[in-house]
mmCIF file of all heavy atoms, coordinates in Angstrom:
data_MODEL
# 
_entry.id   MODEL 
# 
loop_
_atom_site.group_PDB 
_atom_site.id 
_atom_site.type_symbol 
_atom_site.label_atom_id 
_atom_site.label_alt_id 
_atom_site.label_comp_id 
_atom_site.label_asym_id 
_atom_site.label_entity_id 
_atom_site.label_seq_id 
_atom_site.pdbx_PDB_ins_code 
_atom_site.Cartn_x 
_atom_site.Cartn_y 
_atom_site.Cartn_z 
_atom_site.occupancy 
_atom_site.B_iso_or_equiv 
_atom_site.pdbx_formal_charge 
_atom_site.auth_seq_id 
_atom_site.auth_comp_id 
_atom_site.auth_asym_id 
_atom_site.auth_atom_id 
_atom_site.pdbx_PDB_model_num 
ATOM 1   N N   . ILE A 1 1  ? 151.942 -18.117 75.518 1.00 0.00 ? 1  ILE A N   1 
ATOM 2   C CA  . ILE A 1 1  ? 152.428 -17.365 76.677 1.00 0.00 ? 1  ILE A CA  1 
ATOM 3   C C   . ILE A 1 1  ? 151.263 -16.982 77.591 1.00 0.00 ? 1  ILE A C   1 
ATOM 4   O O   . ILE A 1 1  ? 151.369 -17.084 78.819 1.00 0.00 ? 1  ILE A O   1 
ATOM 5   C CB  . ILE A 1 1  ? 153.209 -16.115 76.227 1.00 0.00 ? 1  ILE A CB  1 
ATOM 6   C CG1 . ILE A 1 1  ? 154.458 -16.535 75.446 1.00 0.00 ? 1  ILE A CG1 1 
ATOM 7   C CG2 . ILE A 1 1  ? 153.598 -15.251 77.425 1.00 0.00 ? 1  ILE A CG2 1 
ATOM 8   C CD1 . ILE A 1 1  ? 155.160 -15.401 74.736 1.00 0.00 ? 1  ILE A CD1 1 
ATOM 9   N N   . ALA A 1 2  ? 150.142 -16.554 77.011 1.00 0.00 ? 2  ALA A N   1 
ATOM 10  C CA  . ALA A 1 2  ? 148.973 -16.179 77.814 1.00 0.00 ? 2  ALA A CA  1 
ATOM 11  C C   . ALA A 1 2  ? 148.497 -17.352 78.663 1.00 0.00 ? 2  ALA A C   1 
ATOM 12  O O   . ALA A 1 2  ? 148.104 -17.177 79.828 1.00 0.00 ? 2  ALA A O   1 
ATOM 13  C CB  . ALA A 1 2  ? 147.853 -15.682 76.901 1.00 0.00 ? 2  ALA A CB  1 
ATOM 14  N N   . GLU A 1 3  ? 148.552 -18.555 78.114 1.00 0.00 ? 3  GLU A N   1 
ATOM 15  C CA  . GLU A 1 3  ? 148.153 -19.744 78.870 1.00 0.00 ? 3  GLU A CA  1 
ATOM 16  C C   . GLU A 1 3  ? 149.103 -19.994 80.035 1.00 0.00 ? 3  GLU A C   1 
ATOM 17  O O   . GLU A 1 3  ? 148.679 -20.334 81.136 1.00 0.00 ? 3  GLU A O   1 
ATOM 18  C CB  . GLU A 1 3  ? 148.138 -20.960 77.933 1.00 0.00 ? 3  GLU A CB  1 
ATOM 19  C CG  . GLU A 1 3  ? 147.659 -22.224 78.607 1.00 0.00 ? 3  GLU A CG  1 
ATOM 20  C CD  . GLU A 1 3  ? 147.641 -23.416 77.671 1.00 0.00 ? 3  GLU A CD  1 
ATOM 21  O OE1 . GLU A 1 3  ? 147.523 -23.217 76.440 1.00 0.00 ? 3  GLU A OE1 1 
ATOM 22  O OE2 . GLU A 1 3  ? 147.757 -24.557 78.175 1.00 0.00 ? 3  GLU A OE2 1 
ATOM 23  N N   . ARG A 1 4  ? 150.398 -19.782 79.798 1.00 0.00 ? 4  ARG A N   1 
ATOM 24  C CA  . ARG A 1 4  ? 151.386 -19.962 80.876 1.00 0.00 ? 4  ARG A CA  1 
ATOM 25  C C   . ARG A 1 4  ? 151.171 -18.937 81.991 1.00 0.00 ? 4  ARG A C   1 
ATOM 26  O O   . ARG A 1 4  ? 151.322 -19.244 83.165 1.00 0.00 ? 4  ARG A O   1 
ATOM 27  C CB  . ARG A 1 4  ? 152.813 -19.857 80.331 1.00 0.00 ? 4  ARG A CB  1 
ATOM 28  C CG  . ARG A 1 4  ? 153.201 -20.936 79.339 1.00 0.00 ? 4  ARG A CG  1 
ATOM 29  C CD  . ARG A 1 4  ? 153.013 -22.334 79.945 1.00 0.00 ? 4  ARG A CD  1 
ATOM 30  N NE  . ARG A 1 4  ? 153.304 -23.412 79.030 1.00 0.00 ? 4  ARG A NE  1 
ATOM 31  C CZ  . ARG A 1 4  ? 152.449 -23.952 78.176 1.00 0.00 ? 4  ARG A CZ  1 
ATOM 32  N NH1 . ARG A 1 4  ? 151.234 -23.462 78.057 1.00 0.00 ? 4  ARG A NH1 1 
ATOM 33  N NH2 . ARG A 1 4  ? 152.781 -24.983 77.437 1.00 0.00 ? 4  ARG A NH2 1 
ATOM 34  N N   . ILE A 1 5  ? 150.830 -17.719 81.608 1.00 0.00 ? 5  ILE A N   1 
ATOM 35  C CA  . ILE A 1 5  ? 150.571 -16.685 82.616 1.00 0.00 ? 5  ILE A CA  1 
ATOM 36  C C   . ILE A 1 5  ? 149.332 -17.049 83.430 1.00 0.00 ? 5  ILE A C   1 
ATOM 37  O O   . ILE A 1 5  ? 149.323 -16.929 84.655 1.00 0.00 ? 5  ILE A O   1 
ATOM 38  C CB  . ILE A 1 5  ? 150.401 -15.299 81.949 1.00 0.00 ? 5  ILE A CB  1 
ATOM 39  C CG1 . ILE A 1 5  ? 151.730 -14.844 81.348 1.00 0.00 ? 5  ILE A CG1 1 
ATOM 40  C CG2 . ILE A 1 5  ? 149.887 -14.270 82.957 1.00 0.00 ? 5  ILE A CG2 1 
ATOM 41  C CD1 . ILE A 1 5  ? 151.623 -13.595 80.497 1.00 0.00 ? 5  ILE A CD1 1 
ATOM 42  N N   . ALA A 1 6  ? 148.300 -17.503 82.746 1.00 0.00 ? 6  ALA A N   1 
ATOM 43  C CA  . ALA A 1 6  ? 147.052 -17.890 83.430 1.00 0.00 ? 6  ALA A CA  1 
ATOM 44  C C   . ALA A 1 6  ? 147.290 -19.015 84.427 1.00 0.00 ? 6  ALA A C   1 
ATOM 45  O O   . ALA A 1 6  ? 146.622 -19.085 85.466 1.00 0.00 ? 6  ALA A O   1 
ATOM 46  C CB  . ALA A 1 6  ? 146.009 -18.303 82.396 1.00 0.00 ? 6  ALA A CB  1 
ATOM 47  N N   . ASN A 1 7  ? 148.240 -19.894 84.135 1.00 0.00 ? 7  ASN A N   1 
ATOM 48  C CA  . ASN A 1 7  ? 148.530 -21.027 85.023 1.00 0.00 ? 7  ASN A CA  1 
ATOM 49  C C   . ASN A 1 7  ? 149.653 -20.737 86.019 1.00 0.00 ? 7  ASN A C   1 
ATOM 50  O O   . ASN A 1 7  ? 150.067 -21.630 86.751 1.00 0.00 ? 7  ASN A O   1 
ATOM 51  C CB  . ASN A 1 7  ? 148.902 -22.261 84.189 1.00 0.00 ? 7  ASN A CB  1 
ATOM 52  C CG  . ASN A 1 7  ? 147.737 -22.755 83.366 1.00 0.00 ? 7  ASN A CG  1 
ATOM 53  O OD1 . ASN A 1 7  ? 146.588 -22.637 83.769 1.00 0.00 ? 7  ASN A OD1 1 
ATOM 54  N ND2 . ASN A 1 7  ? 148.031 -23.298 82.189 1.00 0.00 ? 7  ASN A ND2 1 
ATOM 55  N N   . SER A 1 8  ? 150.126 -19.501 86.040 1.00 0.00 ? 8  SER A N   1 
ATOM 56  C CA  . SER A 1 8  ? 151.218 -19.149 86.958 1.00 0.00 ? 8  SER A CA  1 
ATOM 57  C C   . SER A 1 8  ? 150.664 -18.816 88.342 1.00 0.00 ? 8  SER A C   1 
ATOM 58  O O   . SER A 1 8  ? 149.461 -18.773 88.557 1.00 0.00 ? 8  SER A O   1 
ATOM 59  C CB  . SER A 1 8  ? 152.012 -17.959 86.418 1.00 0.00 ? 8  SER A CB  1 
ATOM 60  O OG  . SER A 1 8  ? 151.253 -16.778 86.503 1.00 0.00 ? 8  SER A OG  1 
ATOM 61  N N   . ASN A 1 9  ? 151.576 -18.561 89.267 1.00 0.00 ? 9  ASN A N   1 
ATOM 62  C CA  . ASN A 1 9  ? 151.191 -18.268 90.648 1.00 0.00 ? 9  ASN A CA  1 
ATOM 63  C C   . ASN A 1 9  ? 151.198 -16.774 90.962 1.00 0.00 ? 9  ASN A C   1 
ATOM 64  O O   . ASN A 1 9  ? 151.379 -16.379 92.112 1.00 0.00 ? 9  ASN A O   1 
ATOM 65  C CB  . ASN A 1 9  ? 152.136 -18.991 91.620 1.00 0.00 ? 9  ASN A CB  1 
ATOM 66  C CG  . ASN A 1 9  ? 152.015 -20.495 91.528 1.00 0.00 ? 9  ASN A CG  1 
ATOM 67  O OD1 . ASN A 1 9  ? 150.917 -21.015 91.358 1.00 0.00 ? 9  ASN A OD1 1 
ATOM 68  N ND2 . ASN A 1 9  ? 153.138 -21.192 91.613 1.00 0.00 ? 9  ASN A ND2 1 
ATOM 69  N N   . LYS A 1 10 ? 150.987 -15.938 89.936 1.00 0.00 ? 10 LYS A N   1 
ATOM 70  C CA  . LYS A 1 10 ? 150.989 -14.490 90.168 1.00 0.00 ? 10 LYS A CA  1 
ATOM 71  C C   . LYS A 1 10 ? 149.791 -14.093 91.030 1.00 0.00 ? 10 LYS A C   1 
ATOM 72  O O   . LYS A 1 10 ? 148.750 -14.733 91.018 1.00 0.00 ? 10 LYS A O   1 
ATOM 73  C CB  . LYS A 1 10 ? 150.946 -13.733 88.840 1.00 0.00 ? 10 LYS A CB  1 
ATOM 74  C CG  . LYS A 1 10 ? 152.216 -13.847 88.015 1.00 0.00 ? 10 LYS A CG  1 
ATOM 75  C CD  . LYS A 1 10 ? 153.463 -13.358 88.716 1.00 0.00 ? 10 LYS A CD  1 
ATOM 76  C CE  . LYS A 1 10 ? 153.559 -11.857 88.763 1.00 0.00 ? 10 LYS A CE  1 
ATOM 77  N NZ  . LYS A 1 10 ? 154.865 -11.364 89.224 1.00 0.00 ? 10 LYS A NZ  1 
ATOM 78  N N   . LYS A 1 11 ? 149.970 -12.995 91.768 1.00 0.00 ? 11 LYS A N   1 
ATOM 79  C CA  . LYS A 1 11 ? 148.929 -12.535 92.697 1.00 0.00 ? 11 LYS A CA  1 
ATOM 80  C C   . LYS A 1 11 ? 147.753 -11.917 91.950 1.00 0.00 ? 11 LYS A C   1 
ATOM 81  O O   . LYS A 1 11 ? 147.813 -11.636 90.761 1.00 0.00 ? 11 LYS A O   1 
ATOM 82  C CB  . LYS A 1 11 ? 149.538 -11.517 93.654 1.00 0.00 ? 11 LYS A CB  1 
ATOM 83  C CG  . LYS A 1 11 ? 150.666 -12.083 94.485 1.00 0.00 ? 11 LYS A CG  1 
ATOM 84  C CD  . LYS A 1 11 ? 151.322 -10.999 95.294 1.00 0.00 ? 11 LYS A CD  1 
ATOM 85  C CE  . LYS A 1 11 ? 152.549 -11.552 96.020 1.00 0.00 ? 11 LYS A CE  1 
ATOM 86  N NZ  . LYS A 1 11 ? 153.318 -10.513 96.696 1.00 0.00 ? 11 LYS A NZ  1 
ATOM 87  N N   . ASN A 1 12 ? 146.684 -11.659 92.700 1.00 0.00 ? 12 ASN A N   1 
ATOM 88  C CA  . ASN A 1 12 ? 145.455 -11.101 92.116 1.00 0.00 ? 12 ASN A CA  1 
ATOM 89  C C   . ASN A 1 12 ? 145.650 -9.712  91.519 1.00 0.00 ? 12 ASN A C   1 
ATOM 90  O O   . ASN A 1 12 ? 144.929 -9.331  90.609 1.00 0.00 ? 12 ASN A O   1 
ATOM 91  C CB  . ASN A 1 12 ? 144.345 -11.043 93.162 1.00 0.00 ? 12 ASN A CB  1 
ATOM 92  C CG  . ASN A 1 12 ? 143.893 -12.446 93.576 1.00 0.00 ? 12 ASN A CG  1 
ATOM 93  O OD1 . ASN A 1 12 ? 144.030 -13.379 92.790 1.00 0.00 ? 12 ASN A OD1 1 
ATOM 94  N ND2 . ASN A 1 12 ? 143.385 -12.583 94.779 1.00 0.00 ? 12 ASN A ND2 1 
ATOM 95  N N   . ASN A 1 13 ? 146.610 -8.933  92.043 1.00 0.00 ? 13 ASN A N   1 
ATOM 96  C CA  . ASN A 1 13 ? 146.805 -7.567  91.532 1.00 0.00 ? 13 ASN A CA  1 
ATOM 97  C C   . ASN A 1 13 ? 147.707 -7.531  90.299 1.00 0.00 ? 13 ASN A C   1 
ATOM 98  O O   . ASN A 1 13 ? 148.068 -6.475  89.810 1.00 0.00 ? 13 ASN A O   1 
ATOM 99  C CB  . ASN A 1 13 ? 147.367 -6.641  92.617 1.00 0.00 ? 13 ASN A CB  1 
ATOM 100 C CG  . ASN A 1 13 ? 148.678 -7.153  93.199 1.00 0.00 ? 13 ASN A CG  1 
ATOM 101 O OD1 . ASN A 1 13 ? 149.071 -8.284  92.954 1.00 0.00 ? 13 ASN A OD1 1 
ATOM 102 N ND2 . ASN A 1 13 ? 149.336 -6.314  93.978 1.00 0.00 ? 13 ASN A ND2 1 
ATOM 103 N N   . PHE A 1 14 ? 148.041 -8.713  89.764 1.00 0.00 ? 14 PHE A N   1 
ATOM 104 C CA  . PHE A 1 14 ? 148.842 -8.804  88.540 1.00 0.00 ? 14 PHE A CA  1 
ATOM 105 C C   . PHE A 1 14 ? 147.929 -8.687  87.323 1.00 0.00 ? 14 PHE A C   1 
ATOM 106 O O   . PHE A 1 14 ? 146.840 -9.251  87.288 1.00 0.00 ? 14 PHE A O   1 
ATOM 107 C CB  . PHE A 1 14 ? 149.585 -10.143 88.502 1.00 0.00 ? 14 PHE A CB  1 
ATOM 108 C CG  . PHE A 1 14 ? 150.359 -10.379 87.232 1.00 0.00 ? 14 PHE A CG  1 
ATOM 109 C CD1 . PHE A 1 14 ? 151.600 -9.796  87.038 1.00 0.00 ? 14 PHE A CD1 1 
ATOM 110 C CD2 . PHE A 1 14 ? 149.844 -11.184 86.220 1.00 0.00 ? 14 PHE A CD2 1 
ATOM 111 C CE1 . PHE A 1 14 ? 152.324 -10.016 85.873 1.00 0.00 ? 14 PHE A CE1 1 
ATOM 112 C CE2 . PHE A 1 14 ? 150.558 -11.411 85.053 1.00 0.00 ? 14 PHE A CE2 1 
ATOM 113 C CZ  . PHE A 1 14 ? 151.797 -10.824 84.882 1.00 0.00 ? 14 PHE A CZ  1 
ATOM 114 N N   . SER A 1 15 ? 148.380 -7.914  86.311 1.00 0.00 ? 15 SER A N   1 
ATOM 115 C CA  . SER A 1 15 ? 147.608 -7.794  85.071 1.00 0.00 ? 15 SER A CA  1 
ATOM 116 C C   . SER A 1 15 ? 148.513 -8.039  83.875 1.00 0.00 ? 15 SER A C   1 
ATOM 117 O O   . SER A 1 15 ? 149.729 -7.857  83.945 1.00 0.00 ? 15 SER A O   1 
ATOM 118 C CB  . SER A 1 15 ? 146.965 -6.412  84.960 1.00 0.00 ? 15 SER A CB  1 
ATOM 119 O OG  . SER A 1 15 ? 147.955 -5.415  84.821 1.00 0.00 ? 15 SER A OG  1 
ATOM 120 N N   . SER A 1 16 ? 147.916 -8.458  82.774 1.00 0.00 ? 16 SER A N   1 
ATOM 121 C CA  . SER A 1 16 ? 148.670 -8.735  81.568 1.00 0.00 ? 16 SER A CA  1 
ATOM 122 C C   . SER A 1 16 ? 147.807 -8.442  80.351 1.00 0.00 ? 16 SER A C   1 
ATOM 123 O O   . SER A 1 16 ? 146.595 -8.667  80.373 1.00 0.00 ? 16 SER A O   1 
ATOM 124 C CB  . SER A 1 16 ? 149.111 -10.202 81.557 1.00 0.00 ? 16 SER A CB  1 
ATOM 125 O OG  . SER A 1 16 ? 149.889 -10.469 80.416 1.00 0.00 ? 16 SER A OG  1 
ATOM 126 N N   . ASN A 1 17 ? 148.446 -7.901  79.309 1.00 0.00 ? 17 ASN A N   1 
ATOM 127 C CA  . ASN A 1 17 ? 147.750 -7.613  78.065 1.00 0.00 ? 17 ASN A CA  1 
ATOM 128 C C   . ASN A 1 17 ? 148.527 -8.195  76.898 1.00 0.00 ? 17 ASN A C   1 
ATOM 129 O O   . ASN A 1 17 ? 149.752 -8.118  76.853 1.00 0.00 ? 17 ASN A O   1 
ATOM 130 C CB  . ASN A 1 17 ? 147.601 -6.098  77.858 1.00 0.00 ? 17 ASN A CB  1 
ATOM 131 C CG  . ASN A 1 17 ? 146.751 -5.465  78.930 1.00 0.00 ? 17 ASN A CG  1 
ATOM 132 O OD1 . ASN A 1 17 ? 145.558 -5.704  79.001 1.00 0.00 ? 17 ASN A OD1 1 
ATOM 133 N ND2 . ASN A 1 17 ? 147.361 -4.670  79.782 1.00 0.00 ? 17 ASN A ND2 1 
ATOM 134 N N   . THR A 1 18 ? 147.796 -8.755  75.953 1.00 0.00 ? 18 THR A N   1 
ATOM 135 C CA  . THR A 1 18 ? 148.379 -9.338  74.754 1.00 0.00 ? 18 THR A CA  1 
ATOM 136 C C   . THR A 1 18 ? 148.083 -8.434  73.569 1.00 0.00 ? 18 THR A C   1 
ATOM 137 O O   . THR A 1 18 ? 146.944 -8.017  73.379 1.00 0.00 ? 18 THR A O   1 
ATOM 138 C CB  . THR A 1 18 ? 147.754 -10.726 74.487 1.00 0.00 ? 18 THR A CB  1 
ATOM 139 O OG1 . THR A 1 18 ? 147.939 -11.545 75.632 1.00 0.00 ? 18 THR A OG1 1 
ATOM 140 C CG2 . THR A 1 18 ? 148.395 -11.373 73.283 1.00 0.00 ? 18 THR A CG2 1 
ATOM 141 N N   . PHE A 1 19 ? 149.117 -8.120  72.789 1.00 0.00 ? 19 PHE A N   1 
ATOM 142 C CA  . PHE A 1 19 ? 148.936 -7.320  71.577 1.00 0.00 ? 19 PHE A CA  1 
ATOM 143 C C   . PHE A 1 19 ? 149.493 -8.103  70.396 1.00 0.00 ? 19 PHE A C   1 
ATOM 144 O O   . PHE A 1 19 ? 150.597 -8.628  70.470 1.00 0.00 ? 19 PHE A O   1 
ATOM 145 C CB  . PHE A 1 19 ? 149.682 -5.983  71.675 1.00 0.00 ? 19 PHE A CB  1 
ATOM 146 C CG  . PHE A 1 19 ? 149.282 -5.146  72.855 1.00 0.00 ? 19 PHE A CG  1 
ATOM 147 C CD1 . PHE A 1 19 ? 150.138 -4.991  73.938 1.00 0.00 ? 19 PHE A CD1 1 
ATOM 148 C CD2 . PHE A 1 19 ? 148.053 -4.507  72.894 1.00 0.00 ? 19 PHE A CD2 1 
ATOM 149 C CE1 . PHE A 1 19 ? 149.783 -4.209  75.032 1.00 0.00 ? 19 PHE A CE1 1 
ATOM 150 C CE2 . PHE A 1 19 ? 147.683 -3.720  73.983 1.00 0.00 ? 19 PHE A CE2 1 
ATOM 151 C CZ  . PHE A 1 19 ? 148.552 -3.568  75.045 1.00 0.00 ? 19 PHE A CZ  1 
ATOM 152 N N   . ILE A 1 20 ? 148.726 -8.180  69.324 1.00 0.00 ? 20 ILE A N   1 
ATOM 153 C CA  . ILE A 1 20 ? 149.221 -8.825  68.115 1.00 0.00 ? 20 ILE A CA  1 
ATOM 154 C C   . ILE A 1 20 ? 149.435 -7.772  67.044 1.00 0.00 ? 20 ILE A C   1 
ATOM 155 O O   . ILE A 1 20 ? 148.604 -6.879  66.859 1.00 0.00 ? 20 ILE A O   1 
ATOM 156 C CB  . ILE A 1 20 ? 148.270 -9.938  67.609 1.00 0.00 ? 20 ILE A CB  1 
ATOM 157 C CG1 . ILE A 1 20 ? 148.907 -10.653 66.419 1.00 0.00 ? 20 ILE A CG1 1 
ATOM 158 C CG2 . ILE A 1 20 ? 146.895 -9.395  67.263 1.00 0.00 ? 20 ILE A CG2 1 
ATOM 159 C CD1 . ILE A 1 20 ? 148.245 -11.965 66.064 1.00 0.00 ? 20 ILE A CD1 1 
ATOM 160 N N   . GLY A 1 21 ? 150.594 -7.825  66.390 1.00 0.00 ? 21 GLY A N   1 
ATOM 161 C CA  . GLY A 1 21 ? 150.878 -6.858  65.340 1.00 0.00 ? 21 GLY A CA  1 
ATOM 162 C C   . GLY A 1 21 ? 152.361 -6.580  65.215 1.00 0.00 ? 21 GLY A C   1 
ATOM 163 O O   . GLY A 1 21 ? 153.184 -7.130  65.942 1.00 0.00 ? 21 GLY A O   1 
ATOM 164 N N   . ASP A 1 22 ? 152.676 -5.713  64.286 1.00 0.00 ? 22 ASP A N   1 
ATOM 165 C CA  . ASP A 1 22 ? 154.049 -5.284  64.025 1.00 0.00 ? 22 ASP A CA  1 
ATOM 166 C C   . ASP A 1 22 ? 154.357 -4.098  64.934 1.00 0.00 ? 22 ASP A C   1 
ATOM 167 O O   . ASP A 1 22 ? 153.734 -3.049  64.829 1.00 0.00 ? 22 ASP A O   1 
ATOM 168 C CB  . ASP A 1 22 ? 154.168 -4.872  62.555 1.00 0.00 ? 22 ASP A CB  1 
ATOM 169 C CG  . ASP A 1 22 ? 155.564 -4.429  62.169 1.00 0.00 ? 22 ASP A CG  1 
ATOM 170 O OD1 . ASP A 1 22 ? 156.411 -4.251  63.068 1.00 0.00 ? 22 ASP A OD1 1 
ATOM 171 O OD2 . ASP A 1 22 ? 155.806 -4.245  60.967 1.00 0.00 ? 22 ASP A OD2 1 
ATOM 172 N N   . VAL A 1 23 ? 155.291 -4.268  65.830 1.00 0.00 ? 23 VAL A N   1 
ATOM 173 C CA  . VAL A 1 23 ? 155.592 -3.217  66.803 1.00 0.00 ? 23 VAL A CA  1 
ATOM 174 C C   . VAL A 1 23 ? 156.046 -1.930  66.131 1.00 0.00 ? 23 VAL A C   1 
ATOM 175 O O   . VAL A 1 23 ? 155.858 -0.839  66.677 1.00 0.00 ? 23 VAL A O   1 
ATOM 176 C CB  . VAL A 1 23 ? 156.638 -3.702  67.837 1.00 0.00 ? 23 VAL A CB  1 
ATOM 177 C CG1 . VAL A 1 23 ? 158.004 -3.852  67.186 1.00 0.00 ? 23 VAL A CG1 1 
ATOM 178 C CG2 . VAL A 1 23 ? 156.697 -2.770  69.033 1.00 0.00 ? 23 VAL A CG2 1 
ATOM 179 N N   . SER A 1 24 ? 156.610 -2.031  64.935 1.00 0.00 ? 24 SER A N   1 
ATOM 180 C CA  . SER A 1 24 ? 157.082 -0.839  64.237 1.00 0.00 ? 24 SER A CA  1 
ATOM 181 C C   . SER A 1 24 ? 155.968 0.139   63.921 1.00 0.00 ? 24 SER A C   1 
ATOM 182 O O   . SER A 1 24 ? 156.199 1.336   63.799 1.00 0.00 ? 24 SER A O   1 
ATOM 183 C CB  . SER A 1 24 ? 157.779 -1.232  62.932 1.00 0.00 ? 24 SER A CB  1 
ATOM 184 O OG  . SER A 1 24 ? 158.908 -2.019  63.196 1.00 0.00 ? 24 SER A OG  1 
ATOM 185 N N   . SER A 1 25 ? 154.734 -0.365  63.798 1.00 0.00 ? 25 SER A N   1 
ATOM 186 C CA  . SER A 1 25 ? 153.619 0.510   63.466 1.00 0.00 ? 25 SER A CA  1 
ATOM 187 C C   . SER A 1 25 ? 152.499 0.434   64.496 1.00 0.00 ? 25 SER A C   1 
ATOM 188 O O   . SER A 1 25 ? 151.412 0.965   64.295 1.00 0.00 ? 25 SER A O   1 
ATOM 189 C CB  . SER A 1 25 ? 153.055 0.145   62.078 1.00 0.00 ? 25 SER A CB  1 
ATOM 190 O OG  . SER A 1 25 ? 152.686 -1.218  62.045 1.00 0.00 ? 25 SER A OG  1 
# 
């Protein structure tokens, strides 16, 4: 997904963060 975001046409003021883990904790 991060690669798809990097190759998308989103503007410069767009930000994204990736978190790995169990959302429950």
